[in-house]
């Protein structure tokens, strides 16, 4: 079950990476690990990691959780994120 976080307006670590994460998350309605999102971003070429890796994605996704943009679904082995559904 996704865990909702309070909206606190956390500053993005990297606005371009945040945009790339949003795009990757919009591709499907499932939850994704940072590795899944990283590979989607690399495949699309929507962000140049220049030595970065999936850990950078996880940090940005954590900031997005704090801003209420995504849900964090905890799994004992991995964190998985999902887009926050639009408010009706």
PDB file of N, CA and C in Angstrom:
ATOM      1  N   UNK A   1       0.849  -1.182   0.000  1.00  0.00           N
ATOM      2  CA  UNK A   1       0.000   0.000   0.000  1.00  0.00           C
ATOM      3  C   UNK A   1       0.890   1.239   0.000  1.00  0.00           C
ATOM      4  N   UNK A   2       0.645   2.176  -0.903  1.00  0.00           N
ATOM      5  CA  UNK A   2       1.458   3.393  -0.947  1.00  0.00           C
ATOM      6  C   UNK A   2       1.360   4.195   0.339  1.00  0.00           C
ATOM      7  N   UNK A   3       2.421   4.881   0.652  1.00  0.00           N
ATOM      8  CA  UNK A   3       2.483   5.728   1.831  1.00  0.00           C
ATOM      9  C   UNK A   3       2.426   7.165   1.369  1.00  0.00           C
ATOM     10  N   UNK A   4       1.420   7.924   1.818  1.00  0.00           N
ATOM     11  CA  UNK A   4       1.309   9.321   1.418  1.00  0.00           C
ATOM     12  C   UNK A   4       2.181  10.170   2.320  1.00  0.00           C
ATOM     13  N   UNK A   5       2.897  11.105   1.739  1.00  0.00           N
ATOM     14  CA  UNK A   5       3.748  12.016   2.492  1.00  0.00           C
ATOM     15  C   UNK A   5       3.138  13.409   2.466  1.00  0.00           C
ATOM     16  N   UNK A   6       3.411  14.182   3.499  1.00  0.00           N
ATOM     17  CA  UNK A   6       2.925  15.559   3.556  1.00  0.00           C
ATOM     18  C   UNK A   6       3.654  16.419   2.535  1.00  0.00           C
ATOM     19  N   UNK A   7       2.905  17.333   1.931  1.00  0.00           N
ATOM     20  CA  UNK A   7       3.504  18.251   0.974  1.00  0.00           C
ATOM     21  C   UNK A   7       4.277  19.315   1.747  1.00  0.00           C
ATOM     22  N   UNK A   8       5.580  19.420   1.464  1.00  0.00           N
ATOM     23  CA  UNK A   8       6.411  20.375   2.182  1.00  0.00           C
ATOM     24  C   UNK A   8       7.196  21.297   1.263  1.00  0.00           C
ATOM     25  N   UNK A   9       7.035  21.135  -0.048  1.00  0.00           N
ATOM     26  CA  UNK A   9       7.747  21.926  -1.042  1.00  0.00           C
ATOM     27  C   UNK A   9       9.265  21.843  -0.846  1.00  0.00           C
ATOM     28  N   UNK A  10       9.782  20.684  -1.086  1.00  0.00           N
ATOM     29  CA  UNK A  10      11.215  20.439  -1.037  1.00  0.00           C
ATOM     30  C   UNK A  10      11.818  20.916  -2.355  1.00  0.00           C
ATOM     31  N   UNK A  11      12.944  21.561  -2.280  1.00  0.00           N
ATOM     32  CA  UNK A  11      13.617  21.999  -3.502  1.00  0.00           C
ATOM     33  C   UNK A  11      14.140  20.776  -4.248  1.00  0.00           C
ATOM     34  N   UNK A  12      13.915  20.773  -5.557  1.00  0.00           N
ATOM     35  CA  UNK A  12      14.413  19.699  -6.401  1.00  0.00           C
ATOM     36  C   UNK A  12      15.930  19.681  -6.350  1.00  0.00           C
ATOM     37  N   UNK A  13      16.497  18.491  -6.289  1.00  0.00           N
ATOM     38  CA  UNK A  13      17.943  18.365  -6.332  1.00  0.00           C
ATOM     39  C   UNK A  13      18.456  18.736  -7.718  1.00  0.00           C
ATOM     40  N   UNK A  14      17.684  18.385  -8.734  1.00  0.00           N
ATOM     41  CA  UNK A  14      18.039  18.704 -10.112  1.00  0.00           C
ATOM     42  C   UNK A  14      16.740  18.768 -10.915  1.00  0.00           C
ATOM     43  N   UNK A  15      16.301  19.955 -11.313  1.00  0.00           N
ATOM     44  CA  UNK A  15      15.028  20.083 -12.028  1.00  0.00           C
ATOM     45  C   UNK A  15      14.956  19.242 -13.306  1.00  0.00           C
ATOM     46  N   UNK A  16      16.064  19.102 -14.017  1.00  0.00           N
ATOM     47  CA  UNK A  16      16.056  18.285 -15.236  1.00  0.00           C
ATOM     48  C   UNK A  16      15.872  16.807 -14.912  1.00  0.00           C
ATOM     49  N   UNK A  17      16.483  16.356 -13.830  1.00  0.00           N
ATOM     50  CA  UNK A  17      16.311  14.964 -13.412  1.00  0.00           C
ATOM     51  C   UNK A  17      14.877  14.759 -12.932  1.00  0.00           C
ATOM     52  N   UNK A  18      14.324  15.725 -12.227  1.00  0.00           N
ATOM     53  CA  UNK A  18      12.941  15.610 -11.758  1.00  0.00           C
ATOM     54  C   UNK A  18      12.001  15.463 -12.946  1.00  0.00           C
ATOM     55  N   UNK A  19      12.221  16.268 -13.969  1.00  0.00           N
ATOM     56  CA  UNK A  19      11.383  16.185 -15.168  1.00  0.00           C
ATOM     57  C   UNK A  19      11.521  14.801 -15.809  1.00  0.00           C
ATOM     58  N   UNK A  20      12.733  14.291 -15.902  1.00  0.00           N
ATOM     59  CA  UNK A  20      12.956  12.968 -16.488  1.00  0.00           C
ATOM     60  C   UNK A  20      12.254  11.888 -15.657  1.00  0.00           C
ATOM     61  N   UNK A  21      12.282  12.022 -14.343  1.00  0.00           N
ATOM     62  CA  UNK A  21      11.586  11.064 -13.468  1.00  0.00           C
ATOM     63  C   UNK A  21      10.085  11.114 -13.706  1.00  0.00           C
ATOM     64  N   UNK A  22       9.539  12.323 -13.822  1.00  0.00           N
ATOM     65  CA  UNK A  22       8.104  12.468 -14.088  1.00  0.00           C
ATOM     66  C   UNK A  22       7.719  11.741 -15.377  1.00  0.00           C
ATOM     67  N   UNK A  23       8.517  11.966 -16.421  1.00  0.00           N
ATOM     68  CA  UNK A  23       8.237  11.335 -17.712  1.00  0.00           C
ATOM     69  C   UNK A  23       8.263   9.815 -17.577  1.00  0.00           C
ATOM     70  N   UNK A  24       9.282   9.290 -16.909  1.00  0.00           N
ATOM     71  CA  UNK A  24       9.395   7.834 -16.735  1.00  0.00           C
ATOM     72  C   UNK A  24       8.208   7.276 -15.954  1.00  0.00           C
ATOM     73  N   UNK A  25       7.772   7.988 -14.934  1.00  0.00           N
ATOM     74  CA  UNK A  25       6.650   7.519 -14.122  1.00  0.00           C
ATOM     75  C   UNK A  25       5.321   7.594 -14.869  1.00  0.00           C
ATOM     76  N   UNK A  26       5.218   8.497 -15.831  1.00  0.00           N
ATOM     77  CA  UNK A  26       3.979   8.639 -16.595  1.00  0.00           C
ATOM     78  C   UNK A  26       3.791   7.512 -17.603  1.00  0.00           C
ATOM     79  N   UNK A  27       4.829   6.755 -17.878  1.00  0.00           N
ATOM     80  CA  UNK A  27       4.762   5.709 -18.893  1.00  0.00           C
ATOM     81  C   UNK A  27       3.884   4.532 -18.499  1.00  0.00           C
ATOM     82  N   UNK A  28       3.620   4.351 -17.227  1.00  0.00           N
ATOM     83  CA  UNK A  28       2.785   3.232 -16.784  1.00  0.00           C
ATOM     84  C   UNK A  28       2.189   3.553 -15.421  1.00  0.00           C
ATOM     85  N   UNK A  29       1.236   2.743 -15.002  1.00  0.00           N
ATOM     86  CA  UNK A  29       0.574   3.000 -13.720  1.00  0.00           C
ATOM     87  C   UNK A  29       1.131   2.143 -12.582  1.00  0.00           C
ATOM     88  N   UNK A  30       2.099   1.283 -12.884  1.00  0.00           N
ATOM     89  CA  UNK A  30       2.696   0.432 -11.852  1.00  0.00           C
ATOM     90  C   UNK A  30       3.672   1.211 -10.973  1.00  0.00           C
ATOM     91  N   UNK A  31       4.132   0.545  -9.919  1.00  0.00           N
ATOM     92  CA  UNK A  31       5.208   1.109  -9.110  1.00  0.00           C
ATOM     93  C   UNK A  31       6.535   0.714  -9.744  1.00  0.00           C
ATOM     94  N   UNK A  32       7.552   1.543  -9.544  1.00  0.00           N
ATOM     95  CA  UNK A  32       8.863   1.307 -10.123  1.00  0.00           C
ATOM     96  C   UNK A  32       9.948   1.474  -9.073  1.00  0.00           C
ATOM     97  N   UNK A  33      11.002   0.684  -9.187  1.00  0.00           N
ATOM     98  CA  UNK A  33      12.183   0.898  -8.351  1.00  0.00           C
ATOM     99  C   UNK A  33      13.010   2.008  -8.988  1.00  0.00           C
ATOM    100  N   UNK A  34      13.981   2.525  -8.245  1.00  0.00           N
ATOM    101  CA  UNK A  34      14.856   3.552  -8.824  1.00  0.00           C
ATOM    102  C   UNK A  34      15.630   3.009 -10.022  1.00  0.00           C
ATOM    103  N   UNK A  35      15.903   1.697 -10.012  1.00  0.00           N
ATOM    104  CA  UNK A  35      16.620   1.081 -11.130  1.00  0.00           C
ATOM    105  C   UNK A  35      15.750   1.042 -12.387  1.00  0.00           C
ATOM    106  N   UNK A  36      14.448   0.745 -12.196  1.00  0.00           N
ATOM    107  CA  UNK A  36      13.515   0.755 -13.327  1.00  0.00           C
ATOM    108  C   UNK A  36      13.423   2.162 -13.920  1.00  0.00           C
ATOM    109  N   UNK A  37      13.289   3.134 -13.060  1.00  0.00           N
ATOM    110  CA  UNK A  37      13.150   4.520 -13.523  1.00  0.00           C
ATOM    111  C   UNK A  37      14.444   4.979 -14.181  1.00  0.00           C
ATOM    112  N   UNK A  38      15.568   4.655 -13.567  1.00  0.00           N
ATOM    113  CA  UNK A  38      16.871   5.003 -14.144  1.00  0.00           C
ATOM    114  C   UNK A  38      17.001   4.426 -15.556  1.00  0.00           C
ATOM    115  N   UNK A  39      16.651   3.144 -15.717  1.00  0.00           N
ATOM    116  CA  UNK A  39      16.804   2.521 -17.037  1.00  0.00           C
ATOM    117  C   UNK A  39      15.853   3.136 -18.062  1.00  0.00           C
ATOM    118  N   UNK A  40      14.664   3.528 -17.644  1.00  0.00           N
ATOM    119  CA  UNK A  40      13.737   4.208 -18.562  1.00  0.00           C
ATOM    120  C   UNK A  40      14.304   5.557 -18.993  1.00  0.00           C
ATOM    121  N   UNK A  41      14.875   6.285 -18.050  1.00  0.00           N
ATOM    122  CA  UNK A  41      15.460   7.596 -18.357  1.00  0.00           C
ATOM    123  C   UNK A  41      16.629   7.434 -19.325  1.00  0.00           C
ATOM    124  N   UNK A  42      17.494   6.469 -19.059  1.00  0.00           N
ATOM    125  CA  UNK A  42      18.649   6.227 -19.935  1.00  0.00           C
ATOM    126  C   UNK A  42      18.170   5.821 -21.325  1.00  0.00           C
ATOM    127  N   UNK A  43      17.191   4.923 -21.384  1.00  0.00           N
ATOM    128  CA  UNK A  43      16.679   4.447 -22.669  1.00  0.00           C
ATOM    129  C   UNK A  43      16.084   5.587 -23.492  1.00  0.00           C
ATOM    130  N   UNK A  44      15.352   6.496 -22.838  1.00  0.00           N
ATOM    131  CA  UNK A  44      14.740   7.636 -23.531  1.00  0.00           C
ATOM    132  C   UNK A  44      15.763   8.737 -23.825  1.00  0.00           C
ATOM    133  N   UNK A  45      16.870   8.750 -23.081  1.00  0.00           N
ATOM    134  CA  UNK A  45      17.857   9.815 -23.257  1.00  0.00           C
ATOM    135  C   UNK A  45      17.354  11.145 -22.742  1.00  0.00           C
ATOM    136  N   UNK A  46      16.463  11.111 -21.736  1.00  0.00           N
ATOM    137  CA  UNK A  46      15.860  12.347 -21.244  1.00  0.00           C
ATOM    138  C   UNK A  46      16.691  13.056 -20.167  1.00  0.00           C
ATOM    139  N   UNK A  47      17.810  12.441 -19.765  1.00  0.00           N
ATOM    140  CA  UNK A  47      18.703  13.083 -18.803  1.00  0.00           C
ATOM    141  C   UNK A  47      20.093  12.493 -18.968  1.00  0.00           C
ATOM    142  N   UNK A  48      21.114  13.342 -18.919  1.00  0.00           N
ATOM    143  CA  UNK A  48      22.501  12.883 -19.008  1.00  0.00           C
ATOM    144  C   UNK A  48      23.049  12.744 -17.593  1.00  0.00           C
ATOM    145  N   UNK A  49      23.248  11.523 -17.160  1.00  0.00           N
ATOM    146  CA  UNK A  49      23.699  11.283 -15.791  1.00  0.00           C
ATOM    147  C   UNK A  49      25.161  11.649 -15.564  1.00  0.00           C
ATOM    148  N   UNK A  50      25.967  11.699 -16.593  1.00  0.00           N
ATOM    149  CA  UNK A  50      27.379  12.119 -16.487  1.00  0.00           C
ATOM    150  C   UNK A  50      28.032  11.593 -15.216  1.00  0.00           C
ATOM    151  N   UNK A  51      28.090  10.287 -15.102  1.00  0.00           N
ATOM    152  CA  UNK A  51      28.727   9.672 -13.938  1.00  0.00           C
ATOM    153  C   UNK A  51      27.767   9.366 -12.803  1.00  0.00           C
ATOM    154  N   UNK A  52      26.522   9.825 -12.922  1.00  0.00           N
ATOM    155  CA  UNK A  52      25.533   9.542 -11.895  1.00  0.00           C
ATOM    156  C   UNK A  52      24.957   8.145 -12.077  1.00  0.00           C
ATOM    157  N   UNK A  53      24.051   7.786 -11.185  1.00  0.00           N
ATOM    158  CA  UNK A  53      23.465   6.449 -11.266  1.00  0.00           C
ATOM    159  C   UNK A  53      22.070   6.429 -10.650  1.00  0.00           C
ATOM    160  N   UNK A  54      21.547   5.235 -10.415  1.00  0.00           N
ATOM    161  CA  UNK A  54      20.202   5.079  -9.878  1.00  0.00           C
ATOM    162  C   UNK A  54      20.056   5.698  -8.488  1.00  0.00           C
ATOM    163  N   UNK A  55      21.130   5.820  -7.742  1.00  0.00           N
ATOM    164  CA  UNK A  55      21.045   6.463  -6.418  1.00  0.00           C
ATOM    165  C   UNK A  55      20.633   7.924  -6.555  1.00  0.00           C
ATOM    166  N   UNK A  56      21.061   8.587  -7.636  1.00  0.00           N
ATOM    167  CA  UNK A  56      20.635   9.970  -7.881  1.00  0.00           C
ATOM    168  C   UNK A  56      19.132  10.024  -8.132  1.00  0.00           C
ATOM    169  N   UNK A  57      18.627   9.034  -8.838  1.00  0.00           N
ATOM    170  CA  UNK A  57      17.190   8.946  -9.102  1.00  0.00           C
ATOM    171  C   UNK A  57      16.443   8.769  -7.779  1.00  0.00           C
ATOM    172  N   UNK A  58      16.925   7.887  -6.914  1.00  0.00           N
ATOM    173  CA  UNK A  58      16.263   7.647  -5.631  1.00  0.00           C
ATOM    174  C   UNK A  58      16.210   8.916  -4.790  1.00  0.00           C
ATOM    175  N   UNK A  59      17.275   9.695  -4.787  1.00  0.00           N
ATOM    176  CA  UNK A  59      17.289  10.948  -4.022  1.00  0.00           C
ATOM    177  C   UNK A  59      16.254  11.927  -4.565  1.00  0.00           C
ATOM    178  N   UNK A  60      16.186  12.039  -5.880  1.00  0.00           N
ATOM    179  CA  UNK A  60      15.202  12.945  -6.478  1.00  0.00           C
ATOM    180  C   UNK A  60      13.785  12.465  -6.213  1.00  0.00           C
ATOM    181  N   UNK A  61      13.573  11.150  -6.294  1.00  0.00           N
ATOM    182  CA  UNK A  61      12.247  10.603  -6.015  1.00  0.00           C
ATOM    183  C   UNK A  61      11.842  10.841  -4.565  1.00  0.00           C
ATOM    184  N   UNK A  62      12.783  10.735  -3.646  1.00  0.00           N
ATOM    185  CA  UNK A  62      12.477  11.033  -2.242  1.00  0.00           C
ATOM    186  C   UNK A  62      12.038  12.485  -2.083  1.00  0.00           C
ATOM    187  N   UNK A  63      12.695  13.396  -2.801  1.00  0.00           N
ATOM    188  CA  UNK A  63      12.293  14.815  -2.762  1.00  0.00           C
ATOM    189  C   UNK A  63      10.897  14.977  -3.365  1.00  0.00           C
ATOM    190  N   UNK A  64      10.606  14.205  -4.407  1.00  0.00           N
ATOM    191  CA  UNK A  64       9.287  14.269  -5.035  1.00  0.00           C
ATOM    192  C   UNK A  64       8.204  13.735  -4.098  1.00  0.00           C
ATOM    193  N   UNK A  65       8.542  12.741  -3.278  1.00  0.00           N
ATOM    194  CA  UNK A  65       7.595  12.239  -2.271  1.00  0.00           C
ATOM    195  C   UNK A  65       7.282  13.358  -1.286  1.00  0.00           C
ATOM    196  N   UNK A  66       8.306  14.040  -0.826  1.00  0.00           N
ATOM    197  CA  UNK A  66       8.114  15.135   0.133  1.00  0.00           C
ATOM    198  C   UNK A  66       7.247  16.243  -0.449  1.00  0.00           C
ATOM    199  N   UNK A  67       7.329  16.442  -1.766  1.00  0.00           N
ATOM    200  CA  UNK A  67       6.515  17.453  -2.432  1.00  0.00           C
ATOM    201  C   UNK A  67       5.126  16.943  -2.807  1.00  0.00           C
ATOM    202  N   UNK A  68       4.867  15.659  -2.540  1.00  0.00           N
ATOM    203  CA  UNK A  68       3.557  15.096  -2.834  1.00  0.00           C
ATOM    204  C   UNK A  68       3.352  14.717  -4.295  1.00  0.00           C
ATOM    205  N   UNK A  69       4.427  14.689  -5.079  1.00  0.00           N
ATOM    206  CA  UNK A  69       4.305  14.350  -6.501  1.00  0.00           C
ATOM    207  C   UNK A  69       4.213  12.863  -6.747  1.00  0.00           C
ATOM    208  N   UNK A  70       4.823  12.059  -5.895  1.00  0.00           N
ATOM    209  CA  UNK A  70       4.812  10.605  -6.065  1.00  0.00           C
ATOM    210  C   UNK A  70       4.533   9.941  -4.724  1.00  0.00           C
ATOM    211  N   UNK A  71       4.122   8.682  -4.809  1.00  0.00           N
ATOM    212  CA  UNK A  71       3.905   7.839  -3.635  1.00  0.00           C
ATOM    213  C   UNK A  71       5.127   6.951  -3.452  1.00  0.00           C
ATOM    214  N   UNK A  72       5.432   6.647  -2.240  1.00  0.00           N
ATOM    215  CA  UNK A  72       6.477   5.678  -1.929  1.00  0.00           C
ATOM    216  C   UNK A  72       5.801   4.430  -1.376  1.00  0.00           C
ATOM    217  N   UNK A  73       5.922   3.331  -2.102  1.00  0.00           N
ATOM    218  CA  UNK A  73       5.353   2.052  -1.669  1.00  0.00           C
ATOM    219  C   UNK A  73       6.494   1.221  -1.107  1.00  0.00           C
ATOM    220  N   UNK A  74       6.528   1.040   0.182  1.00  0.00           N
ATOM    221  CA  UNK A  74       7.625   0.307   0.805  1.00  0.00           C
ATOM    222  C   UNK A  74       7.470  -1.192   0.625  1.00  0.00           C
ATOM    223  N   UNK A  75       8.565  -1.802   0.325  1.00  0.00           N
ATOM    224  CA  UNK A  75       8.695  -3.243   0.158  1.00  0.00           C
ATOM    225  C   UNK A  75       9.890  -3.610   1.042  1.00  0.00           C
ATOM    226  N   UNK A  76       9.856  -4.740   1.715  1.00  0.00           N
ATOM    227  CA  UNK A  76      10.992  -5.065   2.593  1.00  0.00           C
ATOM    228  C   UNK A  76      12.359  -5.035   1.894  1.00  0.00           C
ATOM    229  N   UNK A  77      12.398  -5.331   0.609  1.00  0.00           N
ATOM    230  CA  UNK A  77      13.675  -5.382  -0.096  1.00  0.00           C
ATOM    231  C   UNK A  77      14.004  -4.068  -0.818  1.00  0.00           C
ATOM    232  N   UNK A  78      13.012  -3.427  -1.393  1.00  0.00           N
ATOM    233  CA  UNK A  78      13.239  -2.242  -2.224  1.00  0.00           C
ATOM    234  C   UNK A  78      12.171  -1.195  -1.991  1.00  0.00           C
ATOM    235  N   UNK A  79      12.512   0.028  -2.282  1.00  0.00           N
ATOM    236  CA  UNK A  79      11.512   1.084  -2.346  1.00  0.00           C
ATOM    237  C   UNK A  79      10.975   1.111  -3.773  1.00  0.00           C
ATOM    238  N   UNK A  80       9.697   1.365  -3.907  1.00  0.00           N
ATOM    239  CA  UNK A  80       9.084   1.525  -5.219  1.00  0.00           C
ATOM    240  C   UNK A  80       8.246   2.790  -5.187  1.00  0.00           C
ATOM    241  N   UNK A  81       8.295   3.536  -6.271  1.00  0.00           N
ATOM    242  CA  UNK A  81       7.571   4.790  -6.360  1.00  0.00           C
ATOM    243  C   UNK A  81       6.489   4.702  -7.422  1.00  0.00           C
ATOM    244  N   UNK A  82       5.462   5.550  -7.257  1.00  0.00           N
ATOM    245  CA  UNK A  82       4.368   5.611  -8.215  1.00  0.00           C
ATOM    246  C   UNK A  82       3.870   7.053  -8.262  1.00  0.00           C
ATOM    247  N   UNK A  83       3.419   7.464  -9.429  1.00  0.00           N
ATOM    248  CA  UNK A  83       2.840   8.800  -9.561  1.00  0.00           C
ATOM    249  C   UNK A  83       1.685   8.971  -8.624  1.00  0.00           C
ATOM    250  N   UNK A  84       1.543  10.141  -8.041  1.00  0.00           N
ATOM    251  CA  UNK A  84       0.382  10.447  -7.205  1.00  0.00           C
ATOM    252  C   UNK A  84      -0.803  10.657  -8.129  1.00  0.00           C
ATOM    253  N   UNK A  85      -1.922   9.982  -7.852  1.00  0.00           N
ATOM    254  CA  UNK A  85      -3.079  10.172  -8.724  1.00  0.00           C
ATOM    255  C   UNK A  85      -3.563  11.615  -8.687  1.00  0.00           C
ATOM    256  N   UNK A  86      -4.056  12.125  -9.826  1.00  0.00           N
ATOM    257  CA  UNK A  86      -4.568  13.498  -9.826  1.00  0.00           C
ATOM    258  C   UNK A  86      -5.778  13.606  -8.899  1.00  0.00           C
ATOM    259  N   UNK A  87      -5.924  14.756  -8.294  1.00  0.00           N
ATOM    260  CA  UNK A  87      -7.063  14.993  -7.396  1.00  0.00           C
ATOM    261  C   UNK A  87      -8.301  15.264  -8.232  1.00  0.00           C
ATOM    262  N   UNK A  88      -9.392  14.622  -7.841  1.00  0.00           N
ATOM    263  CA  UNK A  88     -10.650  14.769  -8.598  1.00  0.00           C
ATOM    264  C   UNK A  88     -11.390  16.012  -8.184  1.00  0.00           C
TER     265      UNK A  88
END
